[in-house]
Amino acid sequence: MFWKILGVVVLVWIAFAILGALIKALFPILIVTGLIFGLYLVYKAVSGSKNKSPLGKY
C-alpha cells in the first residue's frame, strides 16, 4: 500500500512539473499575442471605416 501511495505522489509531482514548465514556456507567447491583438483592436477602433455594420465587409 505504501508503494502505491508513493507512486501516485510521484506521478502527480511529475505532472505538476511538466505543467509548470509548459506554462512558464508559453506565458510570454500569450502576453505577446494579447498585446498584438489589443493593438489590432485599437487600430480598428481608431481607423475611420465607412462600413459601420457589425459584420464588417460581408
N, C-alpha and C. Protein backbone atom coordinates (compact mmCIF):
# COMPACT_ATOMS: atom_id res chain seq x y z
N MET A 1 0.83 -1.20 0.00
CA MET A 1 0.00 0.00 0.00
C MET A 1 0.87 1.26 0.00
N PHE A 2 1.97 1.18 0.72
CA PHE A 2 2.88 2.33 0.78
C PHE A 2 3.41 2.67 -0.61
N TRP A 3 3.77 1.65 -1.40
CA TRP A 3 4.35 1.88 -2.71
C TRP A 3 3.33 2.45 -3.69
N LYS A 4 2.06 2.07 -3.55
CA LYS A 4 1.01 2.64 -4.41
C LYS A 4 0.84 4.12 -4.13
N ILE A 5 0.81 4.48 -2.85
CA ILE A 5 0.67 5.89 -2.48
C ILE A 5 1.88 6.68 -2.95
N LEU A 6 3.06 6.13 -2.75
CA LEU A 6 4.27 6.80 -3.19
C LEU A 6 4.28 6.95 -4.72
N GLY A 7 3.84 5.94 -5.44
CA GLY A 7 3.77 6.02 -6.89
C GLY A 7 2.81 7.09 -7.37
N VAL A 8 1.66 7.20 -6.73
CA VAL A 8 0.69 8.23 -7.10
C VAL A 8 1.26 9.62 -6.81
N VAL A 9 1.91 9.78 -5.67
CA VAL A 9 2.50 11.08 -5.32
C VAL A 9 3.58 11.46 -6.33
N VAL A 10 4.41 10.51 -6.72
CA VAL A 10 5.46 10.79 -7.70
C VAL A 10 4.86 11.15 -9.06
N LEU A 11 3.83 10.43 -9.48
CA LEU A 11 3.20 10.75 -10.76
C LEU A 11 2.55 12.14 -10.76
N VAL A 12 1.90 12.49 -9.67
CA VAL A 12 1.29 13.83 -9.56
C VAL A 12 2.37 14.89 -9.56
N TRP A 13 3.47 14.63 -8.87
CA TRP A 13 4.57 15.59 -8.83
C TRP A 13 5.17 15.80 -10.22
N ILE A 14 5.36 14.72 -10.97
CA ILE A 14 5.88 14.83 -12.34
C ILE A 14 4.89 15.59 -13.23
N ALA A 15 3.61 15.33 -13.08
CA ALA A 15 2.60 16.02 -13.88
C ALA A 15 2.61 17.52 -13.60
N PHE A 16 2.71 17.90 -12.33
CA PHE A 16 2.78 19.32 -11.99
C PHE A 16 4.06 19.96 -12.50
N ALA A 17 5.15 19.23 -12.50
CA ALA A 17 6.41 19.76 -13.02
C ALA A 17 6.31 20.03 -14.51
N ILE A 18 5.72 19.09 -15.25
CA ILE A 18 5.56 19.27 -16.70
C ILE A 18 4.59 20.41 -16.99
N LEU A 19 3.50 20.48 -16.26
CA LEU A 19 2.52 21.55 -16.46
C LEU A 19 3.13 22.91 -16.15
N GLY A 20 3.89 22.99 -15.08
CA GLY A 20 4.55 24.25 -14.73
C GLY A 20 5.55 24.69 -15.80
N ALA A 21 6.29 23.74 -16.35
CA ALA A 21 7.25 24.07 -17.41
C ALA A 21 6.53 24.57 -18.66
N LEU A 22 5.41 23.94 -19.00
CA LEU A 22 4.64 24.38 -20.17
C LEU A 22 4.09 25.78 -19.97
N ILE A 23 3.55 26.05 -18.79
CA ILE A 23 3.00 27.38 -18.52
C ILE A 23 4.12 28.42 -18.55
N LYS A 24 5.25 28.09 -17.97
CA LYS A 24 6.38 29.02 -17.96
C LYS A 24 6.87 29.31 -19.37
N ALA A 25 6.85 28.31 -20.24
CA ALA A 25 7.33 28.49 -21.61
C ALA A 25 6.31 29.23 -22.47
N LEU A 26 5.02 29.00 -22.27
CA LEU A 26 4.00 29.58 -23.14
C LEU A 26 3.49 30.94 -22.67
N PHE A 27 3.78 31.33 -21.43
CA PHE A 27 3.25 32.59 -20.92
C PHE A 27 3.74 33.80 -21.71
N PRO A 28 5.04 33.90 -22.05
CA PRO A 28 5.46 35.06 -22.86
C PRO A 28 4.78 35.11 -24.23
N ILE A 29 4.54 33.96 -24.83
CA ILE A 29 3.85 33.94 -26.12
C ILE A 29 2.42 34.45 -25.95
N LEU A 30 1.78 34.09 -24.86
CA LEU A 30 0.43 34.57 -24.57
C LEU A 30 0.41 36.08 -24.40
N ILE A 31 1.39 36.63 -23.70
CA ILE A 31 1.46 38.08 -23.48
C ILE A 31 1.66 38.80 -24.81
N VAL A 32 2.59 38.34 -25.64
CA VAL A 32 2.85 38.99 -26.93
C VAL A 32 1.63 38.90 -27.83
N THR A 33 0.97 37.77 -27.85
CA THR A 33 -0.23 37.61 -28.67
C THR A 33 -1.34 38.54 -28.20
N GLY A 34 -1.52 38.64 -26.90
CA GLY A 34 -2.54 39.56 -26.37
C GLY A 34 -2.23 41.00 -26.69
N LEU A 35 -0.95 41.37 -26.64
CA LEU A 35 -0.55 42.74 -26.97
C LEU A 35 -0.82 43.04 -28.44
N ILE A 36 -0.47 42.11 -29.32
CA ILE A 36 -0.70 42.31 -30.75
C ILE A 36 -2.21 42.42 -31.04
N PHE A 37 -3.00 41.54 -30.42
CA PHE A 37 -4.44 41.59 -30.63
C PHE A 37 -5.03 42.90 -30.11
N GLY A 38 -4.55 43.36 -28.96
CA GLY A 38 -5.02 44.64 -28.41
C GLY A 38 -4.68 45.80 -29.32
N LEU A 39 -3.46 45.81 -29.86
CA LEU A 39 -3.07 46.88 -30.79
C LEU A 39 -3.91 46.83 -32.06
N TYR A 40 -4.24 45.63 -32.52
CA TYR A 40 -5.10 45.50 -33.69
C TYR A 40 -6.50 46.07 -33.41
N LEU A 41 -7.04 45.77 -32.22
CA LEU A 41 -8.36 46.30 -31.88
C LEU A 41 -8.33 47.82 -31.76
N VAL A 42 -7.26 48.38 -31.21
CA VAL A 42 -7.14 49.84 -31.12
C VAL A 42 -7.05 50.44 -32.52
N TYR A 43 -6.28 49.81 -33.39
CA TYR A 43 -6.17 50.30 -34.77
C TYR A 43 -7.52 50.30 -35.47
N LYS A 44 -8.27 49.20 -35.31
CA LYS A 44 -9.57 49.13 -35.96
C LYS A 44 -10.55 50.14 -35.37
N ALA A 45 -10.43 50.42 -34.07
CA ALA A 45 -11.34 51.38 -33.45
C ALA A 45 -11.01 52.80 -33.88
N VAL A 46 -9.74 53.09 -34.09
CA VAL A 46 -9.32 54.45 -34.43
C VAL A 46 -9.47 54.73 -35.91
N SER A 47 -9.22 53.74 -36.75
CA SER A 47 -9.32 53.96 -38.19
C SER A 47 -10.78 54.22 -38.55
N GLY A 48 -11.00 55.22 -39.35
CA GLY A 48 -12.35 55.62 -39.71
C GLY A 48 -12.90 54.79 -40.85
N SER A 49 -13.47 53.68 -40.55
CA SER A 49 -14.05 52.84 -41.59
C SER A 49 -15.44 53.37 -41.95
N LYS A 50 -15.76 53.38 -43.24
CA LYS A 50 -17.07 53.86 -43.68
C LYS A 50 -18.15 52.83 -43.41
N ASN A 51 -17.78 51.58 -43.40
CA ASN A 51 -18.75 50.50 -43.17
C ASN A 51 -18.88 50.26 -41.67
N LYS A 52 -20.00 50.62 -41.09
CA LYS A 52 -20.20 50.51 -39.65
C LYS A 52 -21.01 49.27 -39.24
N SER A 53 -21.23 48.36 -40.17
CA SER A 53 -22.01 47.18 -39.84
C SER A 53 -21.19 46.27 -38.93
N PRO A 54 -21.83 45.55 -38.02
CA PRO A 54 -21.08 44.69 -37.11
C PRO A 54 -20.44 43.49 -37.80
N LEU A 55 -20.87 43.18 -39.00
CA LEU A 55 -20.29 42.05 -39.71
C LEU A 55 -19.13 42.45 -40.61
N GLY A 56 -18.76 43.69 -40.60
CA GLY A 56 -17.63 44.13 -41.40
C GLY A 56 -18.00 44.28 -42.86
N LYS A 57 -17.22 43.70 -43.71
CA LYS A 57 -17.40 43.88 -45.16
C LYS A 57 -18.12 42.71 -45.81
N TYR A 58 -18.88 41.93 -45.09
CA TYR A 58 -19.55 40.77 -45.65
C TYR A 58 -20.82 41.16 -46.37
